[in-house]
């Protein structure tokens, strides 16, 4: 059981790292291009960014919950 939990933690850690990198890339794109976007484009980006942040938070919470099972 512990090995399976550790594998889940490892996978979540990988997913978290990928999500953070994707968010960093998206933020860089926003910083480069947002001045050419319409207000609707900016609103859409903010909505998507918030959704991505929520998903990242959920993954972090799940990883913490799983880590608690190991102790």
PDB file of N, CA and C in Angstrom:
ATOM      1  N   UNK A   1       0.825  -1.195   0.000  1.00  0.00           N
ATOM      2  CA  UNK A   1       0.000   0.000   0.000  1.00  0.00           C
ATOM      3  C   UNK A   1       0.868   1.258   0.000  1.00  0.00           C
ATOM      4  N   UNK A   2       1.911   1.255   0.828  1.00  0.00           N
ATOM      5  CA  UNK A   2       2.792   2.419   0.915  1.00  0.00           C
ATOM      6  C   UNK A   2       3.454   2.702  -0.427  1.00  0.00           C
ATOM      7  N   UNK A   3       3.830   1.647  -1.129  1.00  0.00           N
ATOM      8  CA  UNK A   3       4.475   1.833  -2.436  1.00  0.00           C
ATOM      9  C   UNK A   3       3.508   2.467  -3.426  1.00  0.00           C
ATOM     10  N   UNK A   4       2.249   2.045  -3.391  1.00  0.00           N
ATOM     11  CA  UNK A   4       1.250   2.610  -4.293  1.00  0.00           C
ATOM     12  C   UNK A   4       1.004   4.089  -3.971  1.00  0.00           C
ATOM     13  N   UNK A   5       0.940   4.411  -2.692  1.00  0.00           N
ATOM     14  CA  UNK A   5       0.755   5.807  -2.290  1.00  0.00           C
ATOM     15  C   UNK A   5       1.952   6.634  -2.740  1.00  0.00           C
ATOM     16  N   UNK A   6       3.153   6.103  -2.560  1.00  0.00           N
ATOM     17  CA  UNK A   6       4.349   6.828  -2.985  1.00  0.00           C
ATOM     18  C   UNK A   6       4.350   7.040  -4.501  1.00  0.00           C
ATOM     19  N   UNK A   7       3.896   6.072  -5.255  1.00  0.00           N
ATOM     20  CA  UNK A   7       3.798   6.227  -6.707  1.00  0.00           C
ATOM     21  C   UNK A   7       2.803   7.323  -7.073  1.00  0.00           C
ATOM     22  N   UNK A   8       1.698   7.388  -6.347  1.00  0.00           N
ATOM     23  CA  UNK A   8       0.712   8.444  -6.586  1.00  0.00           C
ATOM     24  C   UNK A   8       1.320   9.815  -6.270  1.00  0.00           C
ATOM     25  N   UNK A   9       2.058   9.891  -5.173  1.00  0.00           N
ATOM     26  CA  UNK A   9       2.721  11.143  -4.807  1.00  0.00           C
ATOM     27  C   UNK A   9       3.722  11.543  -5.887  1.00  0.00           C
ATOM     28  N   UNK A  10       4.503  10.588  -6.350  1.00  0.00           N
ATOM     29  CA  UNK A  10       5.488  10.869  -7.398  1.00  0.00           C
ATOM     30  C   UNK A  10       4.815  11.366  -8.672  1.00  0.00           C
ATOM     31  N   UNK A  11       3.701  10.749  -9.047  1.00  0.00           N
ATOM     32  CA  UNK A  11       2.983  11.169 -10.250  1.00  0.00           C
ATOM     33  C   UNK A  11       2.405  12.573 -10.065  1.00  0.00           C
ATOM     34  N   UNK A  12       1.835  12.833  -8.909  1.00  0.00           N
ATOM     35  CA  UNK A  12       1.297  14.163  -8.636  1.00  0.00           C
ATOM     36  C   UNK A  12       2.403  15.215  -8.655  1.00  0.00           C
ATOM     37  N   UNK A  13       3.556  14.876  -8.108  1.00  0.00           N
ATOM     38  CA  UNK A  13       4.679  15.807  -8.112  1.00  0.00           C
ATOM     39  C   UNK A  13       5.092  16.135  -9.541  1.00  0.00           C
ATOM     40  N   UNK A  14       5.131  15.136 -10.385  1.00  0.00           N
ATOM     41  CA  UNK A  14       5.446  15.354 -11.799  1.00  0.00           C
ATOM     42  C   UNK A  14       4.375  16.240 -12.454  1.00  0.00           C
ATOM     43  N   UNK A  15       3.111  15.937 -12.194  1.00  0.00           N
ATOM     44  CA  UNK A  15       2.008  16.723 -12.753  1.00  0.00           C
ATOM     45  C   UNK A  15       2.058  18.172 -12.259  1.00  0.00           C
ATOM     46  N   UNK A  16       2.391  18.358 -10.996  1.00  0.00           N
ATOM     47  CA  UNK A  16       2.494  19.698 -10.422  1.00  0.00           C
ATOM     48  C   UNK A  16       3.613  20.474 -11.101  1.00  0.00           C
ATOM     49  N   UNK A  17       4.751  19.834 -11.283  1.00  0.00           N
ATOM     50  CA  UNK A  17       5.879  20.489 -11.960  1.00  0.00           C
ATOM     51  C   UNK A  17       5.503  20.889 -13.381  1.00  0.00           C
ATOM     52  N   UNK A  18       4.821  20.005 -14.087  1.00  0.00           N
ATOM     53  CA  UNK A  18       4.391  20.314 -15.460  1.00  0.00           C
ATOM     54  C   UNK A  18       3.376  21.456 -15.471  1.00  0.00           C
ATOM     55  N   UNK A  19       2.462  21.444 -14.528  1.00  0.00           N
ATOM     56  CA  UNK A  19       1.452  22.503 -14.461  1.00  0.00           C
ATOM     57  C   UNK A  19       2.103  23.853 -14.165  1.00  0.00           C
ATOM     58  N   UNK A  20       3.048  23.853 -13.243  1.00  0.00           N
ATOM     59  CA  UNK A  20       3.751  25.103 -12.922  1.00  0.00           C
ATOM     60  C   UNK A  20       4.517  25.631 -14.133  1.00  0.00           C
ATOM     61  N   UNK A  21       5.163  24.743 -14.853  1.00  0.00           N
ATOM     62  CA  UNK A  21       5.904  25.159 -16.048  1.00  0.00           C
ATOM     63  C   UNK A  21       4.954  25.709 -17.109  1.00  0.00           C
ATOM     64  N   UNK A  22       3.830  25.045 -17.306  1.00  0.00           N
ATOM     65  CA  UNK A  22       2.842  25.529 -18.281  1.00  0.00           C
ATOM     66  C   UNK A  22       2.303  26.898 -17.866  1.00  0.00           C
ATOM     67  N   UNK A  23       2.070  27.074 -16.576  1.00  0.00           N
ATOM     68  CA  UNK A  23       1.575  28.362 -16.097  1.00  0.00           C
ATOM     69  C   UNK A  23       2.629  29.453 -16.285  1.00  0.00           C
ATOM     70  N   UNK A  24       3.892  29.111 -16.057  1.00  0.00           N
ATOM     71  CA  UNK A  24       4.971  30.083 -16.262  1.00  0.00           C
ATOM     72  C   UNK A  24       5.060  30.501 -17.734  1.00  0.00           C
ATOM     73  N   UNK A  25       4.955  29.526 -18.616  1.00  0.00           N
ATOM     74  CA  UNK A  25       4.997  29.808 -20.057  1.00  0.00           C
ATOM     75  C   UNK A  25       3.818  30.679 -20.457  1.00  0.00           C
ATOM     76  N   UNK A  26       2.653  30.370 -19.928  1.00  0.00           N
ATOM     77  CA  UNK A  26       1.446  31.136 -20.252  1.00  0.00           C
ATOM     78  C   UNK A  26       1.558  32.567 -19.712  1.00  0.00           C
ATOM     79  N   UNK A  27       2.138  32.714 -18.527  1.00  0.00           N
ATOM     80  CA  UNK A  27       2.332  34.059 -17.962  1.00  0.00           C
ATOM     81  C   UNK A  27       3.306  34.856 -18.823  1.00  0.00           C
ATOM     82  N   UNK A  28       4.368  34.202 -19.274  1.00  0.00           N
ATOM     83  CA  UNK A  28       5.322  34.877 -20.163  1.00  0.00           C
ATOM     84  C   UNK A  28       4.639  35.324 -21.449  1.00  0.00           C
ATOM     85  N   UNK A  29       3.786  34.472 -21.999  1.00  0.00           N
ATOM     86  CA  UNK A  29       3.052  34.838 -23.217  1.00  0.00           C
ATOM     87  C   UNK A  29       2.153  36.036 -22.953  1.00  0.00           C
ATOM     88  N   UNK A  30       1.464  36.005 -21.831  1.00  0.00           N
ATOM     89  CA  UNK A  30       0.594  37.131 -21.469  1.00  0.00           C
ATOM     90  C   UNK A  30       1.414  38.422 -21.375  1.00  0.00           C
ATOM     91  N   UNK A  31       2.562  38.338 -20.694  1.00  0.00           N
ATOM     92  CA  UNK A  31       3.398  39.531 -20.528  1.00  0.00           C
ATOM     93  C   UNK A  31       3.883  40.087 -21.862  1.00  0.00           C
ATOM     94  N   UNK A  32       4.129  39.208 -22.822  1.00  0.00           N
ATOM     95  CA  UNK A  32       4.593  39.648 -24.140  1.00  0.00           C
ATOM     96  C   UNK A  32       3.475  40.205 -25.008  1.00  0.00           C
ATOM     97  N   UNK A  33       2.273  39.614 -24.906  1.00  0.00           N
ATOM     98  CA  UNK A  33       1.251  39.863 -25.923  1.00  0.00           C
ATOM     99  C   UNK A  33      -0.001  40.583 -25.448  1.00  0.00           C
ATOM    100  N   UNK A  34      -0.234  40.681 -24.157  1.00  0.00           N
ATOM    101  CA  UNK A  34      -1.546  41.126 -23.689  1.00  0.00           C
ATOM    102  C   UNK A  34      -1.943  42.509 -24.188  1.00  0.00           C
ATOM    103  N   UNK A  35      -0.970  43.357 -24.483  1.00  0.00           N
ATOM    104  CA  UNK A  35      -1.301  44.706 -24.931  1.00  0.00           C
ATOM    105  C   UNK A  35      -1.957  44.711 -26.308  1.00  0.00           C
ATOM    106  N   UNK A  36      -1.872  43.583 -27.030  1.00  0.00           N
ATOM    107  CA  UNK A  36      -2.521  43.504 -28.340  1.00  0.00           C
ATOM    108  C   UNK A  36      -3.875  42.790 -28.277  1.00  0.00           C
ATOM    109  N   UNK A  37      -4.231  42.313 -27.098  1.00  0.00           N
ATOM    110  CA  UNK A  37      -5.455  41.532 -26.932  1.00  0.00           C
ATOM    111  C   UNK A  37      -6.660  42.442 -26.691  1.00  0.00           C
ATOM    112  N   UNK A  38      -7.811  41.915 -27.029  1.00  0.00           N
ATOM    113  CA  UNK A  38      -9.051  42.604 -26.691  1.00  0.00           C
ATOM    114  C   UNK A  38      -9.339  42.386 -25.205  1.00  0.00           C
ATOM    115  N   UNK A  39     -10.249  43.169 -24.673  1.00  0.00           N
ATOM    116  CA  UNK A  39     -10.605  42.984 -23.264  1.00  0.00           C
ATOM    117  C   UNK A  39     -11.215  41.599 -23.041  1.00  0.00           C
ATOM    118  N   UNK A  40     -11.924  41.084 -24.029  1.00  0.00           N
ATOM    119  CA  UNK A  40     -12.489  39.736 -23.916  1.00  0.00           C
ATOM    120  C   UNK A  40     -11.383  38.690 -23.867  1.00  0.00           C
ATOM    121  N   UNK A  41     -10.346  38.885 -24.675  1.00  0.00           N
ATOM    122  CA  UNK A  41      -9.206  37.963 -24.647  1.00  0.00           C
ATOM    123  C   UNK A  41      -8.549  37.952 -23.266  1.00  0.00           C
ATOM    124  N   UNK A  42      -8.387  39.144 -22.688  1.00  0.00           N
ATOM    125  CA  UNK A  42      -7.779  39.244 -21.361  1.00  0.00           C
ATOM    126  C   UNK A  42      -8.668  38.567 -20.325  1.00  0.00           C
ATOM    127  N   UNK A  43      -9.968  38.808 -20.397  1.00  0.00           N
ATOM    128  CA  UNK A  43     -10.904  38.158 -19.469  1.00  0.00           C
ATOM    129  C   UNK A  43     -10.846  36.641 -19.605  1.00  0.00           C
ATOM    130  N   UNK A  44     -10.809  36.157 -20.837  1.00  0.00           N
ATOM    131  CA  UNK A  44     -10.720  34.715 -21.075  1.00  0.00           C
ATOM    132  C   UNK A  44      -9.423  34.149 -20.507  1.00  0.00           C
ATOM    133  N   UNK A  45      -8.324  34.872 -20.697  1.00  0.00           N
ATOM    134  CA  UNK A  45      -7.039  34.424 -20.177  1.00  0.00           C
ATOM    135  C   UNK A  45      -7.081  34.370 -18.662  1.00  0.00           C
ATOM    136  N   UNK A  46      -7.649  35.387 -18.052  1.00  0.00           N
ATOM    137  CA  UNK A  46      -7.733  35.418 -16.584  1.00  0.00           C
ATOM    138  C   UNK A  46      -8.588  34.265 -16.060  1.00  0.00           C
ATOM    139  N   UNK A  47      -9.679  33.975 -16.740  1.00  0.00           N
ATOM    140  CA  UNK A  47     -10.536  32.861 -16.334  1.00  0.00           C
ATOM    141  C   UNK A  47      -9.780  31.544 -16.432  1.00  0.00           C
ATOM    142  N   UNK A  48      -9.090  31.354 -17.540  1.00  0.00           N
ATOM    143  CA  UNK A  48      -8.310  30.130 -17.719  1.00  0.00           C
ATOM    144  C   UNK A  48      -7.181  30.045 -16.694  1.00  0.00           C
ATOM    145  N   UNK A  49      -6.539  31.166 -16.430  1.00  0.00           N
ATOM    146  CA  UNK A  49      -5.459  31.198 -15.451  1.00  0.00           C
ATOM    147  C   UNK A  49      -5.973  30.852 -14.054  1.00  0.00           C
ATOM    148  N   UNK A  50      -7.134  31.366 -13.703  1.00  0.00           N
ATOM    149  CA  UNK A  50      -7.727  31.051 -12.406  1.00  0.00           C
ATOM    150  C   UNK A  50      -8.066  29.569 -12.311  1.00  0.00           C
ATOM    151  N   UNK A  51      -8.599  29.019 -13.396  1.00  0.00           N
ATOM    152  CA  UNK A  51      -8.917  27.595 -13.433  1.00  0.00           C
ATOM    153  C   UNK A  51      -7.651  26.756 -13.263  1.00  0.00           C
ATOM    154  N   UNK A  52      -6.587  27.155 -13.936  1.00  0.00           N
ATOM    155  CA  UNK A  52      -5.313  26.447 -13.816  1.00  0.00           C
ATOM    156  C   UNK A  52      -4.784  26.526 -12.382  1.00  0.00           C
ATOM    157  N   UNK A  53      -4.908  27.688 -11.774  1.00  0.00           N
ATOM    158  CA  UNK A  53      -4.466  27.862 -10.390  1.00  0.00           C
ATOM    159  C   UNK A  53      -5.277  26.992  -9.437  1.00  0.00           C
ATOM    160  N   UNK A  54      -6.579  26.921  -9.663  1.00  0.00           N
ATOM    161  CA  UNK A  54      -7.436  26.082  -8.828  1.00  0.00           C
ATOM    162  C   UNK A  54      -7.047  24.613  -8.956  1.00  0.00           C
ATOM    163  N   UNK A  55      -6.784  24.191 -10.178  1.00  0.00           N
ATOM    164  CA  UNK A  55      -6.391  22.801 -10.413  1.00  0.00           C
ATOM    165  C   UNK A  55      -5.047  22.501  -9.742  1.00  0.00           C
ATOM    166  N   UNK A  56      -4.117  23.432  -9.829  1.00  0.00           N
ATOM    167  CA  UNK A  56      -2.820  23.253  -9.180  1.00  0.00           C
ATOM    168  C   UNK A  56      -2.996  23.150  -7.669  1.00  0.00           C
ATOM    169  N   UNK A  57      -3.814  24.012  -7.101  1.00  0.00           N
ATOM    170  CA  UNK A  57      -4.071  23.972  -5.665  1.00  0.00           C
ATOM    171  C   UNK A  57      -4.654  22.625  -5.252  1.00  0.00           C
ATOM    172  N   UNK A  58      -5.583  22.108  -6.043  1.00  0.00           N
ATOM    173  CA  UNK A  58      -6.177  20.805  -5.749  1.00  0.00           C
ATOM    174  C   UNK A  58      -5.133  19.691  -5.792  1.00  0.00           C
ATOM    175  N   UNK A  59      -4.237  19.753  -6.764  1.00  0.00           N
ATOM    176  CA  UNK A  59      -3.181  18.737  -6.841  1.00  0.00           C
ATOM    177  C   UNK A  59      -2.242  18.826  -5.641  1.00  0.00           C
ATOM    178  N   UNK A  60      -1.918  20.046  -5.225  1.00  0.00           N
ATOM    179  CA  UNK A  60      -1.056  20.220  -4.063  1.00  0.00           C
ATOM    180  C   UNK A  60      -1.726  19.688  -2.799  1.00  0.00           C
ATOM    181  N   UNK A  61      -3.013  19.968  -2.651  1.00  0.00           N
ATOM    182  CA  UNK A  61      -3.747  19.465  -1.495  1.00  0.00           C
ATOM    183  C   UNK A  61      -3.824  17.941  -1.497  1.00  0.00           C
ATOM    184  N   UNK A  62      -4.034  17.364  -2.667  1.00  0.00           N
ATOM    185  CA  UNK A  62      -4.092  15.905  -2.778  1.00  0.00           C
ATOM    186  C   UNK A  62      -2.742  15.284  -2.435  1.00  0.00           C
ATOM    187  N   UNK A  63      -1.670  15.903  -2.908  1.00  0.00           N
ATOM    188  CA  UNK A  63      -0.335  15.392  -2.598  1.00  0.00           C
ATOM    189  C   UNK A  63      -0.072  15.467  -1.094  1.00  0.00           C
ATOM    190  N   UNK A  64      -0.465  16.562  -0.480  1.00  0.00           N
ATOM    191  CA  UNK A  64      -0.293  16.693   0.971  1.00  0.00           C
ATOM    192  C   UNK A  64      -1.115  15.641   1.719  1.00  0.00           C
ATOM    193  N   UNK A  65      -2.331  15.401   1.248  1.00  0.00           N
ATOM    194  CA  UNK A  65      -3.187  14.391   1.878  1.00  0.00           C
ATOM    195  C   UNK A  65      -2.526  13.016   1.781  1.00  0.00           C
ATOM    196  N   UNK A  66      -1.990  12.696   0.602  1.00  0.00           N
ATOM    197  CA  UNK A  66      -1.334  11.408   0.417  1.00  0.00           C
ATOM    198  C   UNK A  66      -0.068  11.300   1.279  1.00  0.00           C
ATOM    199  N   UNK A  67       0.668  12.389   1.379  1.00  0.00           N
ATOM    200  CA  UNK A  67       1.868  12.365   2.227  1.00  0.00           C
ATOM    201  C   UNK A  67       1.494  12.075   3.665  1.00  0.00           C
ATOM    202  N   UNK A  68       0.345  12.574   4.091  1.00  0.00           N
ATOM    203  CA  UNK A  68      -0.128  12.304   5.446  1.00  0.00           C
ATOM    204  C   UNK A  68      -0.400  10.836   5.679  1.00  0.00           C
ATOM    205  N   UNK A  69      -0.737  10.104   4.629  1.00  0.00           N
ATOM    206  CA  UNK A  69      -0.997   8.676   4.753  1.00  0.00           C
ATOM    207  C   UNK A  69       0.293   7.885   4.971  1.00  0.00           C
ATOM    208  N   UNK A  70       1.412   8.455   4.579  1.00  0.00           N
ATOM    209  CA  UNK A  70       2.690   7.750   4.709  1.00  0.00           C
ATOM    210  C   UNK A  70       3.229   7.778   6.130  1.00  0.00           C
ATOM    211  N   UNK A  71       2.784   8.749   6.905  1.00  0.00           N
ATOM    212  CA  UNK A  71       3.325   8.869   8.280  1.00  0.00           C
ATOM    213  C   UNK A  71       2.529   8.063   9.265  1.00  0.00           C
TER     214      UNK A  71
END
